[in-house]
Protein backbone atom coordinates (compact mmCIF):
# COMPACT_ATOMS: atom_id res chain seq x y z
CA MET A 1 34.46 20.74 82.56
CA VAL A 2 33.59 23.72 84.77
CA GLU A 3 31.64 25.35 81.94
CA ALA A 4 29.66 22.14 81.41
CA MET A 5 28.77 21.95 85.10
CA ASN A 6 27.64 25.58 85.08
CA TRP A 7 25.44 24.87 82.06
CA ILE A 8 23.87 21.85 83.78
CA SER A 9 23.27 23.65 87.10
CA GLU A 10 22.05 26.95 85.67
CA VAL A 11 19.96 25.79 82.70
CA VAL A 12 18.97 22.14 82.95
CA ARG A 13 18.05 21.92 86.66
CA PRO A 14 15.81 24.99 86.77
CA LYS A 15 14.03 23.78 83.63
CA ILE A 16 13.47 20.35 85.15
CA LYS A 17 12.11 21.92 88.36
CA THR A 18 9.77 24.12 86.37
CA LEU A 19 8.60 21.17 84.29
CA PHE A 20 7.50 19.15 87.32
CA LYS A 21 6.37 22.03 89.52
CA ARG A 22 2.66 21.98 90.43
CA GLU A 23 0.77 25.13 91.23
CA THR A 24 -0.94 24.75 94.65
CA PRO A 25 -3.42 27.37 95.89
CA GLU A 26 -2.25 29.07 99.08
CA ASN A 27 -5.62 28.67 100.81
CA LEU A 28 -6.18 25.01 99.93
CA TRP A 29 -5.75 23.89 103.56
CA VAL A 30 -6.79 25.28 106.93
CA LYS A 31 -4.86 24.37 110.08
CA CYS A 32 -6.85 23.85 113.27
CA PRO A 33 -5.43 26.16 116.02
CA GLU A 34 -6.22 23.55 118.69
CA THR A 35 -5.11 20.22 117.22
CA GLY A 36 -2.92 21.21 114.28
CA GLN A 37 -5.18 19.15 112.02
CA MET A 38 -5.07 20.11 108.33
CA VAL A 39 -8.51 20.35 106.72
CA PHE A 40 -9.59 21.27 103.21
CA HIS A 41 -10.56 24.95 103.01
CA LYS A 42 -13.79 24.12 101.14
CA GLU A 43 -14.76 21.60 103.81
CA VAL A 44 -14.29 24.17 106.57
CA GLU A 45 -16.27 26.78 104.62
CA ALA A 46 -19.13 24.33 104.03
CA ASN A 47 -19.17 23.65 107.79
CA GLY A 48 -19.75 27.31 108.68
CA TRP A 49 -16.03 27.96 109.31
CA VAL A 50 -15.96 25.35 112.07
CA ILE A 51 -13.18 22.72 111.96
CA PRO A 52 -14.76 19.26 111.50
CA GLY A 53 -13.68 16.88 114.23
CA SER A 54 -12.32 19.35 116.78
CA GLU A 55 -15.36 21.67 116.37
CA HIS A 56 -13.08 24.68 116.80
CA HIS A 57 -14.94 27.85 115.79
CA LEU A 58 -12.73 30.00 113.58
CA ARG A 59 -13.07 33.77 113.56
CA ILE A 60 -15.07 34.96 110.60
CA THR A 61 -15.56 38.32 108.92
CA ALA A 62 -18.66 40.45 109.28
CA GLN A 63 -19.58 39.67 105.68
CA GLN A 64 -19.32 35.93 106.29
CA ARG A 65 -21.40 36.22 109.47
CA LEU A 66 -24.22 38.07 107.74
CA LYS A 67 -24.21 35.59 104.88
CA LEU A 68 -24.55 32.68 107.32
CA MET A 69 -27.37 34.32 109.27
CA PHE A 70 -29.72 35.90 106.73
CA ASP A 71 -32.15 33.83 104.68
CA GLN A 72 -30.70 33.00 101.23
CA GLY A 73 -27.56 34.84 102.33
CA THR A 74 -28.98 38.20 101.21
CA TRP A 75 -29.71 41.38 103.13
CA LEU A 76 -29.81 45.16 102.90
CA ASP A 77 -26.72 47.01 104.07
CA VAL A 78 -27.72 49.78 106.49
CA PRO A 79 -25.80 52.98 105.62
CA LEU A 80 -23.61 54.02 108.55
CA PRO A 81 -22.85 57.63 109.50
CA ASP A 82 -19.41 59.11 109.05
CA ALA A 83 -17.24 59.79 112.08
CA PRO A 84 -14.04 61.85 112.50
CA ALA A 85 -11.17 59.72 111.22
CA ASP A 86 -8.44 60.88 113.62
CA PRO A 87 -9.94 63.33 116.16
CA LEU A 88 -6.86 63.38 118.46
CA LYS A 89 -4.18 63.27 115.71
CA PHE A 90 -2.80 60.28 117.59
CA ARG A 91 0.57 58.75 116.87
CA ASP A 92 2.55 55.95 118.52
CA GLU A 93 4.91 53.80 116.45
CA LYS A 94 2.67 54.67 113.53
CA ARG A 95 0.12 57.37 112.78
CA TYR A 96 -3.45 56.40 113.63
CA ALA A 97 -4.59 57.64 110.23
CA ASP A 98 -2.18 55.18 108.61
CA ARG A 99 -3.41 52.32 110.79
CA LEU A 100 -6.98 53.06 109.71
CA LYS A 101 -5.91 53.16 106.07
CA ASP A 102 -4.18 49.78 106.37
CA ALA A 103 -7.16 48.20 108.17
CA ARG A 104 -9.57 49.48 105.52
CA ALA A 105 -7.40 48.13 102.72
CA LYS A 106 -7.09 44.76 104.46
CA THR A 107 -10.77 44.23 105.32
CA GLY A 108 -12.61 46.31 102.73
CA MET A 109 -14.61 47.87 105.59
CA THR A 110 -14.80 51.48 106.74
CA ASP A 111 -14.60 50.47 110.39
CA ALA A 112 -15.17 47.51 112.70
CA PHE A 113 -18.99 47.35 112.40
CA LYS A 114 -21.35 46.16 109.70
CA VAL A 115 -25.15 46.41 110.05
CA GLY A 116 -27.66 44.54 107.93
CA PHE A 117 -31.45 44.32 107.68
CA GLY A 118 -33.29 41.31 106.31
CA ARG A 119 -35.03 38.10 107.30
CA VAL A 120 -33.72 35.40 109.63
CA GLY A 121 -35.88 32.30 109.73
CA GLY A 122 -38.58 34.32 107.96
CA LEU A 123 -38.61 37.07 110.59
CA PRO A 124 -37.55 40.68 109.85
CA MET A 125 -34.41 41.35 111.84
CA THR A 126 -31.60 43.90 112.25
CA LEU A 127 -28.12 42.43 112.76
CA ALA A 128 -24.95 44.25 113.81
CA VAL A 129 -21.62 42.46 113.53
CA GLN A 130 -18.19 43.43 114.83
CA ASP A 131 -15.26 42.33 112.70
CA PHE A 132 -12.21 41.42 114.78
CA GLY A 133 -10.07 41.73 111.67
CA PHE A 134 -10.49 45.51 111.74
CA MET A 135 -8.09 46.67 114.46
CA GLY A 136 -9.27 43.92 116.82
CA GLY A 137 -12.92 44.97 116.51
CA SER A 138 -12.08 47.89 118.79
CA LEU A 139 -14.78 50.36 119.86
CA GLY A 140 -14.23 53.87 118.57
CA MET A 141 -16.45 56.73 117.47
CA ALA A 142 -17.32 55.10 114.14
CA ALA A 143 -18.19 51.78 115.82
CA GLY A 144 -20.33 53.58 118.41
CA GLU A 145 -22.19 55.45 115.67
CA ALA A 146 -22.74 52.17 113.81
CA PHE A 147 -24.18 50.43 116.87
CA VAL A 148 -26.54 53.33 117.53
CA ARG A 149 -27.63 53.42 113.87
CA GLY A 150 -28.37 49.70 114.06
CA ALA A 151 -30.53 50.26 117.15
CA GLU A 152 -32.34 53.14 115.41
CA THR A 153 -33.01 50.90 112.40
CA ALA A 154 -34.51 48.24 114.68
CA LEU A 155 -36.69 50.89 116.35
CA GLU A 156 -37.84 52.31 113.03
CA LYS A 157 -38.70 48.93 111.51
CA ARG A 158 -39.93 47.37 114.76
CA THR A 159 -37.57 44.41 114.56
CA PRO A 160 -35.37 42.58 117.06
CA TYR A 161 -31.78 43.83 117.28
CA VAL A 162 -29.11 41.12 117.29
CA LEU A 163 -25.46 41.92 118.03
CA PHE A 164 -22.51 39.65 117.27
CA ALA A 165 -19.75 40.95 119.53
CA ALA A 166 -16.05 40.39 118.81
CA SER A 167 -13.67 42.95 120.24
CA GLY A 168 -10.55 43.62 122.22
CA GLY A 169 -12.22 46.63 123.85
CA ALA A 170 -12.10 50.39 123.44
CA ARG A 171 -9.78 51.93 120.83
CA MET A 172 -6.94 53.60 122.68
CA GLN A 173 -6.08 55.90 119.75
CA GLU A 174 -9.32 57.80 120.38
CA GLY A 175 -8.90 58.14 124.14
CA ILE A 176 -11.87 59.53 126.08
CA LEU A 177 -13.87 59.82 122.85
CA SER A 178 -13.77 56.03 122.61
CA LEU A 179 -14.86 55.57 126.23
CA MET A 180 -17.80 57.92 125.65
CA GLN A 181 -19.26 55.33 123.28
CA MET A 182 -19.98 53.06 126.23
CA PRO A 183 -22.75 55.26 127.73
CA ARG A 184 -24.01 56.20 124.24
CA THR A 185 -24.56 52.58 123.28
CA THR A 186 -26.11 51.89 126.68
CA VAL A 187 -28.70 54.61 126.04
CA ALA A 188 -29.48 53.02 122.65
CA VAL A 189 -30.10 49.66 124.36
CA ARG A 190 -32.37 51.35 126.90
CA ARG A 191 -34.45 52.81 124.05
CA LEU A 192 -34.91 49.29 122.66
CA ASN A 193 -36.05 48.11 126.09
CA GLN A 194 -38.56 50.95 126.36
CA ALA A 195 -39.93 50.05 122.93
CA ARG A 196 -40.20 46.40 124.08
CA LEU A 197 -38.02 45.18 121.24
CA PRO A 198 -35.72 42.18 121.83
CA TYR A 199 -31.99 42.82 122.07
CA ILE A 200 -30.04 39.57 121.63
CA VAL A 201 -26.27 39.41 122.13
CA VAL A 202 -24.09 36.66 120.68
CA LEU A 203 -20.64 36.64 122.30
CA THR A 204 -17.93 35.37 119.97
CA ASN A 205 -14.19 34.88 120.40
CA PRO A 206 -12.95 37.20 121.85
CA THR A 207 -15.25 39.71 123.58
CA THR A 208 -13.30 41.75 126.12
CA GLY A 209 -12.65 45.21 127.56
CA GLY A 210 -15.05 48.13 127.29
CA VAL A 211 -17.35 46.24 124.92
CA THR A 212 -17.96 43.61 127.60
CA ALA A 213 -18.39 46.41 130.14
CA SER A 214 -21.19 48.01 128.11
CA TYR A 215 -23.53 46.85 125.35
CA ALA A 216 -22.24 43.25 125.12
CA MET A 217 -23.63 42.46 128.58
CA LEU A 218 -26.94 44.32 128.35
CA GLY A 219 -28.86 41.86 126.21
CA ASP A 220 -32.23 40.36 127.02
CA VAL A 221 -30.61 37.02 126.16
CA HIS A 222 -26.89 36.25 126.01
CA LEU A 223 -25.71 33.49 123.70
CA ALA A 224 -22.10 32.48 123.12
CA GLU A 225 -20.18 30.38 120.64
CA PRO A 226 -18.28 27.38 122.07
CA GLY A 227 -14.86 28.22 123.46
CA ALA A 228 -15.28 31.98 123.14
CA LEU A 229 -13.08 34.11 125.43
CA ILE A 230 -15.33 36.54 127.30
CA GLY A 231 -14.22 38.96 130.00
CA PHE A 232 -12.98 42.42 130.85
CA ALA A 233 -9.24 41.95 131.37
CA GLY A 234 -7.41 38.94 129.94
CA PRO A 235 -6.57 35.87 132.05
CA ARG A 236 -2.85 36.63 132.07
CA VAL A 237 -3.44 40.17 133.40
CA ILE A 238 -5.76 38.85 136.12
CA GLU A 239 -3.25 36.20 137.21
CA GLN A 240 -0.49 38.79 137.44
CA THR A 241 -2.74 41.09 139.47
CA ILE A 242 -4.10 38.60 142.00
CA ARG A 243 -0.96 36.41 141.95
CA GLU A 244 -3.05 33.24 141.76
CA LYS A 245 -3.61 30.53 139.18
CA LEU A 246 -7.03 30.81 137.54
CA PRO A 247 -9.35 27.77 137.19
CA ASP A 248 -9.24 25.76 133.97
CA GLY A 249 -11.49 27.24 131.30
CA PHE A 250 -11.78 30.53 133.17
CA GLN A 251 -13.51 33.24 131.05
CA ARG A 252 -14.50 30.73 128.39
CA ALA A 253 -18.12 30.52 127.24
CA GLU A 254 -18.80 27.19 128.97
CA TYR A 255 -17.38 28.43 132.29
CA LEU A 256 -19.50 31.60 132.14
CA LYS A 257 -22.63 29.59 131.40
CA GLU A 258 -22.01 27.44 134.49
CA HIS A 259 -21.69 30.63 136.55
CA GLY A 260 -24.79 32.38 135.17
CA MET A 261 -23.25 35.06 132.93
CA VAL A 262 -24.26 33.38 129.66
CA ASP A 263 -27.72 31.92 129.02
CA GLN A 264 -26.73 29.35 126.42
CA VAL A 265 -23.66 28.16 124.50
CA VAL A 266 -24.77 27.52 120.91
CA HIS A 267 -22.88 25.86 118.09
CA ARG A 268 -22.55 28.09 115.05
CA ARG A 269 -24.68 25.77 112.89
CA ASP A 270 -27.58 26.19 115.37
CA LEU A 271 -27.34 29.96 115.88
CA LYS A 272 -29.73 30.95 113.11
CA VAL A 273 -32.51 28.62 114.25
CA THR A 274 -31.98 29.52 117.92
CA ILE A 275 -32.09 33.26 117.32
CA ALA A 276 -35.15 33.00 115.06
CA ARG A 277 -36.97 30.95 117.72
CA LEU A 278 -36.03 33.36 120.53
CA CYS A 279 -37.07 36.44 118.56
CA GLY A 280 -40.30 34.77 117.52
CA LEU A 281 -41.17 34.11 121.16
CA LEU A 282 -40.19 37.59 122.34
CA MET A 283 -42.03 39.30 119.47
CA GLN A 284 -45.07 37.01 120.00
CA VAL A 285 -45.01 35.83 116.41
CA PRO A 286 -47.72 33.24 115.55
CA ALA A 287 -46.62 29.62 115.43
CA ASP A 288 -46.82 29.57 111.62
CA GLY A 289 -43.78 31.85 111.54
CA LEU A 290 -45.46 34.86 109.91
CA ALA A 291 -43.90 38.23 110.66
CA PRO A 292 -45.86 40.53 113.00
CA ALA A 293 -48.16 42.94 111.20
CA GLU A 294 -46.35 46.04 112.45
CA ALA A 295 -42.97 44.97 111.05
CA LYS A 296 -41.87 47.07 108.10
CA VAL A 297 -40.00 44.85 105.72
CA GLU A 298 -39.83 47.12 102.70
CA PRO A 299 -36.49 49.03 102.46
CA LYS A 300 -36.47 52.79 102.53
CA PRO A 301 -34.98 54.53 99.48
CA GLU A 302 -31.78 55.48 101.28
CA VAL A 303 -30.97 51.86 102.15
CA LYS A 304 -29.00 50.38 99.27
CA ALA A 305 -29.43 46.72 98.42
CA VAL A 306 -26.17 44.85 97.91
CA PRO A 307 -25.39 41.21 97.09
CA ALA A 308 -23.88 39.03 99.83
């Protein structure tokens, strides 16, 4: 009797389970962080990675951002300069070199920045995007070099420079070398101002720390996605420091707009049209939408074209 039971439990039941088991893709559903609502992954993707109903804006990768912004979802990747991988030989619970290796394997990016050149709403434009998935979008030497290279590309091609900021701040593993990127990027923005080229900043969730204290708050126009956390220190740190309860919505995009730190809060589906219109006005583009004559839209040989 015991042998029969073993045969039933070890052979028959697993076979029955296998027979009726249905393979379900792991990414079939997306859970809304605000409401807990379960939405089809394809539906969220088709909506620009915004949850239908709650309108919660999910974080997206640099690649996804560029694809949403550029016409036909195609652009030219701007080659970024190399930077020392681990200048301080830093180690905490884990070696910094190993953290970089893991982040690169996870995201497929060399560092937290990606810069593209193409057309947005028919206008030549240079876009720089920070990817929060790469070590929290932190600002290090490589990210600083990437921002400056993006500004140089905009200067060379006489295009507006649009930054999508998403960062936890400066990268502690690079110490003072990370903090030095704040004045370097500020100088790059000043060069854009002197050349009378628009510098538009889009603040996404979250934008904090040294990034907020430098190039993220130096734009000619500051846009923000709904609900984005924007500030220097986090709300919890501020409450512990001042020993007071902060107002509801403090440091969120809508609160900052009411208090004059953000010009406009723009839904992700409207960002492309809004940025194209702003840049057209600032670049004095004719009403028919033609690019200005001085804009160089042909890629240089060293810029490699890649599919989105």
